[in-house]
Amino acid sequence: MKVFMTRLICTTHNKPATKIDMEALAQDVATYPDDYQYERAQRFGVSAQGIRHALKRLRVSRKKNTSASQS
């Protein structure tokens, strides 16, 4: 158990994002709310996984639209 706890402590990361400017990402979400994460990643020059983690830090999530779309 002691070894497990030591490894767990060493693997946690509480570092800020280095490549993604969080203010710019928040502005991008406000400007383009319907864009996919891979599109944001291309604009910022990072991976889609990096955008996913940054959006999670901003507590941004995509909510389902309850009303039916008009075709």
PDB file of N, CA and C in Angstrom:
ATOM      1  N   MET A   1       0.824  -1.195   0.000  1.00  0.00           N
ATOM      2  CA  MET A   1       0.000   0.000   0.000  1.00  0.00           C
ATOM      3  C   MET A   1       0.866   1.256   0.000  1.00  0.00           C
ATOM      4  N   LYS A   2       1.968   1.218   0.720  1.00  0.00           N
ATOM      5  CA  LYS A   2       2.854   2.375   0.802  1.00  0.00           C
ATOM      6  C   LYS A   2       3.445   2.717  -0.567  1.00  0.00           C
ATOM      7  N   VAL A   3       3.821   1.689  -1.330  1.00  0.00           N
ATOM      8  CA  VAL A   3       4.376   1.912  -2.663  1.00  0.00           C
ATOM      9  C   VAL A   3       3.323   2.525  -3.578  1.00  0.00           C
ATOM     10  N   PHE A   4       2.096   2.043  -3.483  1.00  0.00           N
ATOM     11  CA  PHE A   4       1.005   2.583  -4.296  1.00  0.00           C
ATOM     12  C   PHE A   4       0.794   4.065  -4.006  1.00  0.00           C
ATOM     13  N   MET A   5       0.755   4.430  -2.738  1.00  0.00           N
ATOM     14  CA  MET A   5       0.537   5.832  -2.364  1.00  0.00           C
ATOM     15  C   MET A   5       1.692   6.715  -2.834  1.00  0.00           C
ATOM     16  N   THR A   6       2.914   6.205  -2.771  1.00  0.00           N
ATOM     17  CA  THR A   6       4.070   6.974  -3.237  1.00  0.00           C
ATOM     18  C   THR A   6       3.963   7.235  -4.730  1.00  0.00           C
ATOM     19  N   ARG A   7       3.591   6.227  -5.486  1.00  0.00           N
ATOM     20  CA  ARG A   7       3.435   6.400  -6.932  1.00  0.00           C
ATOM     21  C   ARG A   7       2.285   7.340  -7.258  1.00  0.00           C
ATOM     22  N   LEU A   8       1.211   7.265  -6.507  1.00  0.00           N
ATOM     23  CA  LEU A   8       0.059   8.126  -6.732  1.00  0.00           C
ATOM     24  C   LEU A   8       0.425   9.590  -6.510  1.00  0.00           C
ATOM     25  N   ILE A   9       1.182   9.868  -5.481  1.00  0.00           N
ATOM     26  CA  ILE A   9       1.599  11.240  -5.196  1.00  0.00           C
ATOM     27  C   ILE A   9       2.489  11.775  -6.308  1.00  0.00           C
ATOM     28  N   CYS A  10       3.343  10.947  -6.858  1.00  0.00           N
ATOM     29  CA  CYS A  10       4.282  11.385  -7.894  1.00  0.00           C
ATOM     30  C   CYS A  10       3.614  11.594  -9.247  1.00  0.00           C
ATOM     31  N   THR A  11       2.448  11.015  -9.475  1.00  0.00           N
ATOM     32  CA  THR A  11       1.831  11.092 -10.795  1.00  0.00           C
ATOM     33  C   THR A  11       0.809  12.205 -10.935  1.00  0.00           C
ATOM     34  N   THR A  12       0.502  12.919  -9.871  1.00  0.00           N
ATOM     35  CA  THR A  12      -0.473  13.997  -9.992  1.00  0.00           C
ATOM     36  C   THR A  12       0.195  15.238 -10.557  1.00  0.00           C
ATOM     37  N   HIS A  13      -0.531  15.978 -11.383  1.00  0.00           N
ATOM     38  CA  HIS A  13      -0.001  17.174 -12.027  1.00  0.00           C
ATOM     39  C   HIS A  13      -0.922  18.345 -11.722  1.00  0.00           C
ATOM     40  N   ASN A  14      -0.365  19.365 -11.155  1.00  0.00           N
ATOM     41  CA  ASN A  14      -1.123  20.576 -10.893  1.00  0.00           C
ATOM     42  C   ASN A  14      -0.419  21.756 -11.547  1.00  0.00           C
ATOM     43  N   LYS A  15      -0.103  21.599 -12.814  1.00  0.00           N
ATOM     44  CA  LYS A  15       0.607  22.641 -13.533  1.00  0.00           C
ATOM     45  C   LYS A  15      -0.358  23.366 -14.459  1.00  0.00           C
ATOM     46  N   PRO A  16      -0.131  24.641 -14.705  1.00  0.00           N
ATOM     47  CA  PRO A  16      -0.965  25.363 -15.665  1.00  0.00           C
ATOM     48  C   PRO A  16      -0.625  24.946 -17.095  1.00  0.00           C
ATOM     49  N   ALA A  17      -1.524  25.229 -18.002  1.00  0.00           N
ATOM     50  CA  ALA A  17      -1.289  24.927 -19.410  1.00  0.00           C
ATOM     51  C   ALA A  17      -0.145  25.792 -19.918  1.00  0.00           C
ATOM     52  N   THR A  18       0.753  25.206 -20.687  1.00  0.00           N
ATOM     53  CA  THR A  18       1.896  25.970 -21.165  1.00  0.00           C
ATOM     54  C   THR A  18       1.692  26.481 -22.584  1.00  0.00           C
ATOM     55  N   LYS A  19       1.038  25.713 -23.421  1.00  0.00           N
ATOM     56  CA  LYS A  19       0.874  26.119 -24.815  1.00  0.00           C
ATOM     57  C   LYS A  19      -0.424  26.865 -25.083  1.00  0.00           C
ATOM     58  N   ILE A  20      -1.438  26.597 -24.291  1.00  0.00           N
ATOM     59  CA  ILE A  20      -2.761  27.151 -24.565  1.00  0.00           C
ATOM     60  C   ILE A  20      -3.021  28.336 -23.648  1.00  0.00           C
ATOM     61  N   ASP A  21      -3.285  29.479 -24.236  1.00  0.00           N
ATOM     62  CA  ASP A  21      -3.667  30.662 -23.469  1.00  0.00           C
ATOM     63  C   ASP A  21      -5.133  30.503 -23.086  1.00  0.00           C
ATOM     64  N   MET A  22      -5.395  30.410 -21.790  1.00  0.00           N
ATOM     65  CA  MET A  22      -6.746  30.113 -21.320  1.00  0.00           C
ATOM     66  C   MET A  22      -7.723  31.244 -21.633  1.00  0.00           C
ATOM     67  N   GLU A  23      -7.265  32.483 -21.583  1.00  0.00           N
ATOM     68  CA  GLU A  23      -8.143  33.613 -21.919  1.00  0.00           C
ATOM     69  C   GLU A  23      -8.508  33.583 -23.397  1.00  0.00           C
ATOM     70  N   ALA A  24      -7.529  33.253 -24.243  1.00  0.00           N
ATOM     71  CA  ALA A  24      -7.799  33.161 -25.679  1.00  0.00           C
ATOM     72  C   ALA A  24      -8.749  32.002 -25.974  1.00  0.00           C
ATOM     73  N   LEU A  25      -8.600  30.909 -25.238  1.00  0.00           N
ATOM     74  CA  LEU A  25      -9.499  29.768 -25.430  1.00  0.00           C
ATOM     75  C   LEU A  25     -10.920  30.122 -25.009  1.00  0.00           C
ATOM     76  N   ALA A  26     -11.066  30.836 -23.907  1.00  0.00           N
ATOM     77  CA  ALA A  26     -12.400  31.254 -23.465  1.00  0.00           C
ATOM     78  C   ALA A  26     -13.040  32.179 -24.498  1.00  0.00           C
ATOM     79  N   GLN A  27     -12.246  33.071 -25.085  1.00  0.00           N
ATOM     80  CA  GLN A  27     -12.748  33.967 -26.133  1.00  0.00           C
ATOM     81  C   GLN A  27     -13.134  33.165 -27.375  1.00  0.00           C
ATOM     82  N   ASP A  28     -12.337  32.149 -27.710  1.00  0.00           N
ATOM     83  CA  ASP A  28     -12.622  31.303 -28.866  1.00  0.00           C
ATOM     84  C   ASP A  28     -13.923  30.532 -28.668  1.00  0.00           C
ATOM     85  N   VAL A  29     -14.160  30.056 -27.461  1.00  0.00           N
ATOM     86  CA  VAL A  29     -15.404  29.334 -27.161  1.00  0.00           C
ATOM     87  C   VAL A  29     -16.595  30.275 -27.284  1.00  0.00           C
ATOM     88  N   ALA A  30     -16.425  31.524 -26.842  1.00  0.00           N
ATOM     89  CA  ALA A  30     -17.520  32.492 -26.949  1.00  0.00           C
ATOM     90  C   ALA A  30     -17.779  32.873 -28.405  1.00  0.00           C
ATOM     91  N   THR A  31     -16.716  32.966 -29.202  1.00  0.00           N
ATOM     92  CA  THR A  31     -16.855  33.357 -30.605  1.00  0.00           C
ATOM     93  C   THR A  31     -17.394  32.219 -31.460  1.00  0.00           C
ATOM     94  N   TYR A  32     -16.869  31.014 -31.256  1.00  0.00           N
ATOM     95  CA  TYR A  32     -17.262  29.838 -32.043  1.00  0.00           C
ATOM     96  C   TYR A  32     -17.792  28.751 -31.107  1.00  0.00           C
ATOM     97  N   PRO A  33     -19.013  28.882 -30.598  1.00  0.00           N
ATOM     98  CA  PRO A  33     -19.506  27.910 -29.611  1.00  0.00           C
ATOM     99  C   PRO A  33     -19.784  26.520 -30.183  1.00  0.00           C
ATOM    100  N   ASP A  34     -19.997  26.399 -31.490  1.00  0.00           N
ATOM    101  CA  ASP A  34     -20.371  25.111 -32.070  1.00  0.00           C
ATOM    102  C   ASP A  34     -19.207  24.361 -32.705  1.00  0.00           C
ATOM    103  N   ASP A  35     -17.989  24.875 -32.589  1.00  0.00           N
ATOM    104  CA  ASP A  35     -16.855  24.210 -33.222  1.00  0.00           C
ATOM    105  C   ASP A  35     -16.471  22.935 -32.486  1.00  0.00           C
ATOM    106  N   TYR A  36     -15.930  21.990 -33.257  1.00  0.00           N
ATOM    107  CA  TYR A  36     -15.433  20.752 -32.682  1.00  0.00           C
ATOM    108  C   TYR A  36     -14.088  21.005 -32.016  1.00  0.00           C
ATOM    109  N   GLN A  37     -13.705  20.098 -31.122  1.00  0.00           N
ATOM    110  CA  GLN A  37     -12.439  20.272 -30.414  1.00  0.00           C
ATOM    111  C   GLN A  37     -11.251  20.169 -31.362  1.00  0.00           C
ATOM    112  N   TYR A  38     -11.326  19.323 -32.381  1.00  0.00           N
ATOM    113  CA  TYR A  38     -10.203  19.214 -33.306  1.00  0.00           C
ATOM    114  C   TYR A  38     -10.025  20.494 -34.112  1.00  0.00           C
ATOM    115  N   GLU A  39     -11.121  21.231 -34.369  1.00  0.00           N
ATOM    116  CA  GLU A  39     -11.012  22.514 -35.066  1.00  0.00           C
ATOM    117  C   GLU A  39     -10.329  23.551 -34.174  1.00  0.00           C
ATOM    118  N   ARG A  40     -10.680  23.562 -32.897  1.00  0.00           N
ATOM    119  CA  ARG A  40     -10.000  24.460 -31.957  1.00  0.00           C
ATOM    120  C   ARG A  40      -8.521  24.098 -31.860  1.00  0.00           C
ATOM    121  N   ALA A  41      -8.231  22.816 -31.833  1.00  0.00           N
ATOM    122  CA  ALA A  41      -6.846  22.358 -31.732  1.00  0.00           C
ATOM    123  C   ALA A  41      -6.027  22.834 -32.928  1.00  0.00           C
ATOM    124  N   GLN A  42      -6.616  22.805 -34.120  1.00  0.00           N
ATOM    125  CA  GLN A  42      -5.906  23.290 -35.302  1.00  0.00           C
ATOM    126  C   GLN A  42      -5.634  24.784 -35.203  1.00  0.00           C
ATOM    127  N   ARG A  43      -6.595  25.548 -34.702  1.00  0.00           N
ATOM    128  CA  ARG A  43      -6.397  26.995 -34.556  1.00  0.00           C
ATOM    129  C   ARG A  43      -5.301  27.325 -33.548  1.00  0.00           C
ATOM    130  N   PHE A  44      -5.235  26.555 -32.465  1.00  0.00           N
ATOM    131  CA  PHE A  44      -4.258  26.826 -31.409  1.00  0.00           C
ATOM    132  C   PHE A  44      -2.932  26.101 -31.627  1.00  0.00           C
ATOM    133  N   GLY A  45      -2.888  25.194 -32.580  1.00  0.00           N
ATOM    134  CA  GLY A  45      -1.651  24.472 -32.860  1.00  0.00           C
ATOM    135  C   GLY A  45      -1.297  23.441 -31.796  1.00  0.00           C
ATOM    136  N   VAL A  46      -2.317  22.820 -31.208  1.00  0.00           N
ATOM    137  CA  VAL A  46      -2.103  21.791 -30.186  1.00  0.00           C
ATOM    138  C   VAL A  46      -2.936  20.564 -30.550  1.00  0.00           C
ATOM    139  N   SER A  47      -2.845  19.536 -29.724  1.00  0.00           N
ATOM    140  CA  SER A  47      -3.617  18.324 -29.981  1.00  0.00           C
ATOM    141  C   SER A  47      -5.051  18.486 -29.483  1.00  0.00           C
ATOM    142  N   ALA A  48      -5.930  17.647 -29.997  1.00  0.00           N
ATOM    143  CA  ALA A  48      -7.328  17.665 -29.558  1.00  0.00           C
ATOM    144  C   ALA A  48      -7.425  17.265 -28.090  1.00  0.00           C
ATOM    145  N   GLN A  49      -6.554  16.372 -27.656  1.00  0.00           N
ATOM    146  CA  GLN A  49      -6.530  15.961 -26.249  1.00  0.00           C
ATOM    147  C   GLN A  49      -6.153  17.144 -25.353  1.00  0.00           C
ATOM    148  N   GLY A  50      -5.223  17.972 -25.814  1.00  0.00           N
ATOM    149  CA  GLY A  50      -4.839  19.162 -25.051  1.00  0.00           C
ATOM    150  C   GLY A  50      -5.986  20.145 -24.922  1.00  0.00           C
ATOM    151  N   ILE A  51      -6.751  20.314 -26.007  1.00  0.00           N
ATOM    152  CA  ILE A  51      -7.923  21.192 -25.960  1.00  0.00           C
ATOM    153  C   ILE A  51      -8.960  20.632 -24.996  1.00  0.00           C
ATOM    154  N   ARG A  52      -9.133  19.322 -25.005  1.00  0.00           N
ATOM    155  CA  ARG A  52     -10.103  18.692 -24.111  1.00  0.00           C
ATOM    156  C   ARG A  52      -9.750  18.975 -22.651  1.00  0.00           C
ATOM    157  N   HIS A  53      -8.480  18.833 -22.307  1.00  0.00           N
ATOM    158  CA  HIS A  53      -8.061  19.089 -20.930  1.00  0.00           C
ATOM    159  C   HIS A  53      -8.198  20.565 -20.572  1.00  0.00           C
ATOM    160  N   ALA A  54      -7.889  21.445 -21.522  1.00  0.00           N
ATOM    161  CA  ALA A  54      -8.007  22.883 -21.259  1.00  0.00           C
ATOM    162  C   ALA A  54      -9.469  23.281 -21.064  1.00  0.00           C
ATOM    163  N   LEU A  55     -10.366  22.720 -21.874  1.00  0.00           N
ATOM    164  CA  LEU A  55     -11.790  23.014 -21.715  1.00  0.00           C
ATOM    165  C   LEU A  55     -12.307  22.485 -20.379  1.00  0.00           C
ATOM    166  N   LYS A  56     -11.768  21.356 -19.954  1.00  0.00           N
ATOM    167  CA  LYS A  56     -12.158  20.808 -18.658  1.00  0.00           C
ATOM    168  C   LYS A  56     -11.704  21.740 -17.536  1.00  0.00           C
ATOM    169  N   ARG A  57     -10.497  22.323 -17.672  1.00  0.00           N
ATOM    170  CA  ARG A  57     -10.013  23.280 -16.677  1.00  0.00           C
ATOM    171  C   ARG A  57     -10.894  24.520 -16.628  1.00  0.00           C
ATOM    172  N   LEU A  58     -11.424  24.925 -17.790  1.00  0.00           N
ATOM    173  CA  LEU A  58     -12.319  26.081 -17.846  1.00  0.00           C
ATOM    174  C   LEU A  58     -13.742  25.726 -17.419  1.00  0.00           C
ATOM    175  N   ARG A  59     -13.988  24.437 -17.213  1.00  0.00           N
ATOM    176  CA  ARG A  59     -15.323  23.923 -16.871  1.00  0.00           C
ATOM    177  C   ARG A  59     -16.334  24.222 -17.968  1.00  0.00           C
ATOM    178  N   VAL A  60     -15.892  24.048 -19.211  1.00  0.00           N
ATOM    179  CA  VAL A  60     -16.759  24.236 -20.369  1.00  0.00           C
ATOM    180  C   VAL A  60     -17.180  22.860 -20.853  1.00  0.00           C
ATOM    181  N   SER A  61     -18.473  22.665 -21.022  1.00  0.00           N
ATOM    182  CA  SER A  61     -18.964  21.406 -21.557  1.00  0.00           C
ATOM    183  C   SER A  61     -20.054  21.700 -22.569  1.00  0.00           C
ATOM    184  N   ARG A  62     -20.259  20.787 -23.454  1.00  0.00           N
ATOM    185  CA  ARG A  62     -21.272  20.937 -24.494  1.00  0.00           C
ATOM    186  C   ARG A  62     -22.573  20.374 -23.961  1.00  0.00           C
ATOM    187  N   LYS A  63     -23.586  21.188 -23.902  1.00  0.00           N
ATOM    188  CA  LYS A  63     -24.892  20.748 -23.430  1.00  0.00           C
ATOM    189  C   LYS A  63     -25.773  20.407 -24.620  1.00  0.00           C
ATOM    190  N   LYS A  64     -26.575  19.387 -24.461  1.00  0.00           N
ATOM    191  CA  LYS A  64     -27.495  18.997 -25.521  1.00  0.00           C
ATOM    192  C   LYS A  64     -28.592  20.035 -25.668  1.00  0.00           C
ATOM    193  N   ASN A  65     -29.030  20.239 -26.895  1.00  0.00           N
ATOM    194  CA  ASN A  65     -30.134  21.142 -27.168  1.00  0.00           C
ATOM    195  C   ASN A  65     -31.423  20.338 -27.022  1.00  0.00           C
ATOM    196  N   THR A  66     -32.294  20.747 -26.126  1.00  0.00           N
ATOM    197  CA  THR A  66     -33.503  19.965 -25.861  1.00  0.00           C
ATOM    198  C   THR A  66     -34.574  20.158 -26.925  1.00  0.00           C
ATOM    199  N   SER A  67     -34.527  21.265 -27.645  1.00  0.00           N
ATOM    200  CA  SER A  67     -35.532  21.486 -28.684  1.00  0.00           C
ATOM    201  C   SER A  67     -35.069  20.857 -29.997  1.00  0.00           C
ATOM    202  N   ALA A  68     -36.020  20.402 -30.791  1.00  0.00           N
ATOM    203  CA  ALA A  68     -35.703  19.785 -32.072  1.00  0.00           C
ATOM    204  C   ALA A  68     -35.260  20.845 -33.068  1.00  0.00           C
ATOM    205  N   SER A  69     -34.328  20.475 -33.936  1.00  0.00           N
ATOM    206  CA  SER A  69     -33.861  21.429 -34.938  1.00  0.00           C
ATOM    207  C   SER A  69     -34.895  21.563 -36.052  1.00  0.00           C
ATOM    208  N   GLN A  70     -34.938  22.729 -36.660  1.00  0.00           N
ATOM    209  CA  GLN A  70     -35.878  22.966 -37.752  1.00  0.00           C
ATOM    210  C   GLN A  70     -35.187  22.652 -39.068  1.00  0.00           C
ATOM    211  N   SER A  71     -35.791  21.782 -39.875  1.00  0.00           N
ATOM    212  CA  SER A  71     -35.191  21.416 -41.152  1.00  0.00           C
ATOM    213  C   SER A  71     -35.942  22.043 -42.291  1.00  0.00           C
TER     214      SER A  71
END
